[in-house]
Amino acid sequence: ALRQLGFISLLCLVAQRKGMVIFMKRKAIVNTALCVGCGCCAKVCPKAAVSVPKGIFAVVDLSACVGCGLCAKECPASVIKVEVISDGE
């Protein structure tokens, strides 16, 4: 089962077992080259952080995005990923 976990998931699991709490910033990232601009992601975003200007491709307002992942789950083209970002991004 551990082989299927990614590095971040494994790090969180270890921290949890040691009684530590880790806070990581997660943000939605859109592969704009593959986005079809359908707007499904924008409709489900609870913070209105995703928009599709002129129906071309989705754009994420990183200052509003809370990294919940609803947009990524809703995306029919699977071109949105929620990634851990550093404080500098």
C-alpha atoms as a PDB file:
ATOM      1  CA  ALA A   1       0.000   0.000   0.000  1.00  0.00           C
ATOM      2  CA  LEU A   2       2.861   2.405   0.743  1.00  0.00           C
ATOM      3  CA  ARG A   3       4.208   2.006  -2.793  1.00  0.00           C
ATOM      4  CA  GLN A   4       1.094   3.723  -4.156  1.00  0.00           C
ATOM      5  CA  LEU A   5       1.538   6.812  -1.975  1.00  0.00           C
ATOM      6  CA  GLY A   6       3.277   9.848  -3.412  1.00  0.00           C
ATOM      7  CA  PHE A   7       6.119  11.541  -1.532  1.00  0.00           C
ATOM      8  CA  ILE A   8       3.889  14.251  -0.044  1.00  0.00           C
ATOM      9  CA  SER A   9       1.282  11.711   1.100  1.00  0.00           C
ATOM     10  CA  LEU A  10       3.989   9.577   2.678  1.00  0.00           C
ATOM     11  CA  LEU A  11       5.479  12.626   4.411  1.00  0.00           C
ATOM     12  CA  CYS A  12       2.066  13.512   5.849  1.00  0.00           C
ATOM     13  CA  LEU A  13       1.490   9.944   7.005  1.00  0.00           C
ATOM     14  CA  VAL A  14       4.820   9.865   8.852  1.00  0.00           C
ATOM     15  CA  ALA A  15       4.173  13.279  10.408  1.00  0.00           C
ATOM     16  CA  GLN A  16       0.715  12.188  11.541  1.00  0.00           C
ATOM     17  CA  ARG A  17       2.070   9.079  13.221  1.00  0.00           C
ATOM     18  CA  LYS A  18       4.658  11.187  15.055  1.00  0.00           C
ATOM     19  CA  GLY A  19       1.998  13.644  16.225  1.00  0.00           C
ATOM     20  CA  MET A  20       3.211  16.458  13.979  1.00  0.00           C
ATOM     21  CA  VAL A  21       1.077  18.790  11.894  1.00  0.00           C
ATOM     22  CA  ILE A  22       2.227  19.882   8.449  1.00  0.00           C
ATOM     23  CA  PHE A  23       0.652  22.779   6.599  1.00  0.00           C
ATOM     24  CA  MET A  24       1.221  22.922   2.866  1.00  0.00           C
ATOM     25  CA  LYS A  25      -0.147  25.353   0.343  1.00  0.00           C
ATOM     26  CA  ARG A  26      -2.030  23.588  -2.414  1.00  0.00           C
ATOM     27  CA  LYS A  27      -3.143  25.372  -5.552  1.00  0.00           C
ATOM     28  CA  ALA A  28      -4.910  24.358  -8.743  1.00  0.00           C
ATOM     29  CA  ILE A  29      -2.733  24.465 -11.867  1.00  0.00           C
ATOM     30  CA  VAL A  30      -4.265  24.339 -15.359  1.00  0.00           C
ATOM     31  CA  ASN A  31      -2.523  22.909 -18.411  1.00  0.00           C
ATOM     32  CA  THR A  32      -3.756  25.711 -20.674  1.00  0.00           C
ATOM     33  CA  ALA A  33      -2.464  24.010 -23.819  1.00  0.00           C
ATOM     34  CA  LEU A  34      -4.941  21.147 -23.310  1.00  0.00           C
ATOM     35  CA  CYS A  35      -7.843  23.006 -21.660  1.00  0.00           C
ATOM     36  CA  VAL A  36     -11.004  23.053 -23.783  1.00  0.00           C
ATOM     37  CA  GLY A  37     -12.527  26.061 -21.998  1.00  0.00           C
ATOM     38  CA  CYS A  38     -15.796  24.341 -21.070  1.00  0.00           C
ATOM     39  CA  GLY A  39     -16.108  26.165 -17.727  1.00  0.00           C
ATOM     40  CA  CYS A  40     -17.057  23.128 -15.637  1.00  0.00           C
ATOM     41  CA  CYS A  41     -14.258  23.944 -13.217  1.00  0.00           C
ATOM     42  CA  ALA A  42     -15.378  27.552 -12.724  1.00  0.00           C
ATOM     43  CA  LYS A  43     -18.931  26.451 -11.900  1.00  0.00           C
ATOM     44  CA  VAL A  44     -17.844  24.298  -8.941  1.00  0.00           C
ATOM     45  CA  CYS A  45     -15.152  26.517  -7.410  1.00  0.00           C
ATOM     46  CA  PRO A  46     -16.394  27.586  -3.950  1.00  0.00           C
ATOM     47  CA  LYS A  47     -14.099  30.633  -3.924  1.00  0.00           C
ATOM     48  CA  ALA A  48     -14.700  31.787  -7.528  1.00  0.00           C
ATOM     49  CA  ALA A  49     -10.954  31.402  -8.078  1.00  0.00           C
ATOM     50  CA  VAL A  50     -11.358  29.813 -11.510  1.00  0.00           C
ATOM     51  CA  SER A  51     -12.554  31.685 -14.573  1.00  0.00           C
ATOM     52  CA  VAL A  52     -12.610  31.030 -18.304  1.00  0.00           C
ATOM     53  CA  PRO A  53     -12.020  34.403 -19.954  1.00  0.00           C
ATOM     54  CA  LYS A  54     -13.496  34.548 -23.466  1.00  0.00           C
ATOM     55  CA  GLY A  55     -14.142  30.782 -23.277  1.00  0.00           C
ATOM     56  CA  ILE A  56     -10.566  30.002 -24.297  1.00  0.00           C
ATOM     57  CA  PHE A  57      -9.028  28.260 -21.276  1.00  0.00           C
ATOM     58  CA  ALA A  58      -9.362  28.198 -17.500  1.00  0.00           C
ATOM     59  CA  VAL A  59      -7.352  30.621 -15.400  1.00  0.00           C
ATOM     60  CA  VAL A  60      -6.821  30.200 -11.649  1.00  0.00           C
ATOM     61  CA  ASP A  61      -6.494  33.194  -9.328  1.00  0.00           C
ATOM     62  CA  LEU A  62      -3.832  31.733  -7.035  1.00  0.00           C
ATOM     63  CA  SER A  63      -4.531  34.317  -4.332  1.00  0.00           C
ATOM     64  CA  ALA A  64      -8.149  33.094  -4.098  1.00  0.00           C
ATOM     65  CA  CYS A  65      -7.559  29.359  -4.663  1.00  0.00           C
ATOM     66  CA  VAL A  66      -7.701  27.255  -1.486  1.00  0.00           C
ATOM     67  CA  GLY A  67      -6.544  24.038  -3.169  1.00  0.00           C
ATOM     68  CA  CYS A  68      -9.720  22.065  -2.457  1.00  0.00           C
ATOM     69  CA  GLY A  69      -9.482  20.151  -5.745  1.00  0.00           C
ATOM     70  CA  LEU A  70     -13.138  20.403  -6.763  1.00  0.00           C
ATOM     71  CA  CYS A  71     -12.161  21.958 -10.097  1.00  0.00           C
ATOM     72  CA  ALA A  72      -9.736  19.131 -10.844  1.00  0.00           C
ATOM     73  CA  LYS A  73     -12.365  16.511 -10.033  1.00  0.00           C
ATOM     74  CA  GLU A  74     -14.932  18.201 -12.269  1.00  0.00           C
ATOM     75  CA  CYS A  75     -12.630  18.785 -15.263  1.00  0.00           C
ATOM     76  CA  PRO A  76     -13.746  16.446 -18.104  1.00  0.00           C
ATOM     77  CA  ALA A  77     -10.394  16.861 -19.879  1.00  0.00           C
ATOM     78  CA  SER A  78      -8.364  16.124 -16.701  1.00  0.00           C
ATOM     79  CA  VAL A  79      -6.095  19.114 -17.306  1.00  0.00           C
ATOM     80  CA  ILE A  80      -6.251  20.590 -13.783  1.00  0.00           C
ATOM     81  CA  LYS A  81      -3.943  19.328 -11.078  1.00  0.00           C
ATOM     82  CA  VAL A  82      -3.734  20.449  -7.467  1.00  0.00           C
ATOM     83  CA  GLU A  83      -0.099  20.804  -6.507  1.00  0.00           C
ATOM     84  CA  VAL A  84       1.833  21.731  -3.392  1.00  0.00           C
ATOM     85  CA  ILE A  85       3.593  25.037  -3.949  1.00  0.00           C
ATOM     86  CA  SER A  86       6.364  26.777  -2.054  1.00  0.00           C
ATOM     87  CA  ASP A  87       5.839  30.053  -0.200  1.00  0.00           C
ATOM     88  CA  GLY A  88       7.601  31.926  -2.982  1.00  0.00           C
ATOM     89  CA  GLU A  89       5.018  30.939  -5.628  1.00  0.00           C
END
